[in-house]
Each structure stands twice: as structure tokens, then as C-alpha cells.
Amino acid sequence: MRISEVREMNDTELDKELGEQERALMNLRFRKATLQLTNTNELSNTRKTIARIKTVVREREITAKITTLKGEGA
């Protein structure tokens, strides 16, 4: 999933996708431990997707906080 796709999602979609990706990562780890995982790139791709989602969530938190602070100062 590209960062542009992540940024197009709203907050509820991001939360849902983050949960799905974390479950997928857990499943991939189990498959790797039991030697059933054939494409090991899936692990890193899933971790990167989780990082992208968390980055966008954090960006939105910071933006909301800045907006709130500007509103109080005006």
C-alpha cells in the first residue's frame, strides 16, 4: 500500500486497516515459524505498511493539535 493510498483514508478506515495489517503480520510470523511462508518479502512489506499507517495517524494528531493551539491564540 502506497503512502498516497493511506493518506486518502479517513480515521476510522485507518484504524481498521491498522488492525488488519497487525493481524496479518502475526499470521505471517506464525507461518514463518512453521516454515509455511514462501515469500519472506511479505513480512517487510506488512511492517512498512503498518509504519506508513502509524505515520499518517501521528501526522493527523500533530496537525489537529497545532490547529487547536492556533484557535486558542486567536
Protein backbone atom coordinates (compact mmCIF):
# COMPACT_ATOMS: atom_id res chain seq x y z
CA MET A 1 0.00 0.00 0.00
CA ARG A 2 1.40 3.34 -1.02
CA ILE A 3 1.51 6.38 1.26
CA SER A 4 -0.86 8.26 -1.05
CA GLU A 5 -3.44 5.49 -0.60
CA VAL A 6 -3.04 5.67 3.17
CA ARG A 7 -3.47 9.45 3.21
CA GLU A 8 -6.75 9.15 1.27
CA MET A 9 -8.30 7.06 4.06
CA ASN A 10 -10.28 8.61 6.89
CA ASP A 11 -9.51 7.95 10.55
CA THR A 12 -11.88 5.01 11.00
CA GLU A 13 -10.57 3.32 7.86
CA LEU A 14 -7.02 3.82 9.13
CA ASP A 15 -7.84 2.20 12.47
CA LYS A 16 -9.49 -0.73 10.72
CA GLU A 17 -6.62 -1.18 8.26
CA LEU A 18 -4.04 -0.96 11.07
CA GLY A 19 -5.79 -3.78 12.92
CA GLU A 20 -5.95 -5.89 9.77
CA GLN A 21 -2.28 -5.34 8.99
CA GLU A 22 -1.22 -6.19 12.54
CA ARG A 23 -3.23 -9.43 12.39
CA ALA A 24 -1.69 -10.20 9.01
CA LEU A 25 1.79 -9.63 10.44
CA MET A 26 1.06 -12.00 13.30
CA ASN A 27 -0.17 -14.65 10.86
CA LEU A 28 2.91 -14.18 8.69
CA ARG A 29 5.15 -14.65 11.72
CA PHE A 30 3.36 -17.89 12.59
CA ARG A 31 3.68 -19.09 9.01
CA LYS A 32 7.39 -18.25 9.04
CA ALA A 33 7.92 -20.12 12.31
CA THR A 34 6.22 -23.21 10.92
CA LEU A 35 8.16 -22.95 7.63
CA GLN A 36 4.97 -22.39 5.60
CA LEU A 37 5.91 -18.90 4.40
CA THR A 38 7.26 -18.99 0.86
CA ASN A 39 7.54 -15.24 0.17
CA THR A 40 9.52 -13.71 3.01
CA ASN A 41 9.13 -10.23 1.48
CA GLU A 42 5.57 -10.21 2.78
CA LEU A 43 6.87 -9.65 6.31
CA SER A 44 8.78 -6.49 5.46
CA ASN A 45 6.01 -5.18 3.22
CA THR A 46 3.47 -5.61 6.00
CA ARG A 47 5.74 -3.93 8.55
CA LYS A 48 6.26 -1.00 6.18
CA THR A 49 2.51 -0.66 5.64
CA ILE A 50 1.96 -0.58 9.40
CA ALA A 51 4.63 2.11 9.71
CA ARG A 52 3.00 4.18 6.96
CA ILE A 53 -0.38 3.98 8.67
CA LYS A 54 1.07 4.95 12.04
CA THR A 55 2.94 7.84 10.43
CA VAL A 56 -0.24 9.26 8.88
CA VAL A 57 -2.14 8.84 12.16
CA ARG A 58 0.60 10.73 14.00
CA GLU A 59 0.69 13.47 11.34
CA ARG A 60 -3.03 13.99 11.80
CA GLU A 61 -2.68 14.13 15.59
CA ILE A 62 0.02 16.79 15.32
CA THR A 63 -1.98 18.78 12.77
CA ALA A 64 -5.06 18.68 14.99
CA LYS A 65 -3.06 19.81 17.99
CA ILE A 66 -1.49 22.70 16.07
CA THR A 67 -4.90 23.76 14.76
CA THR A 68 -6.30 23.69 18.29
CA LEU A 69 -3.43 25.78 19.63
CA LYS A 70 -3.81 28.35 16.85
CA GLY A 71 -7.51 28.57 17.61
CA GLU A 72 -6.84 29.33 21.27
CA GLY A 73 -4.31 32.04 20.45
CA ALA A 74 -6.61 33.94 18.08
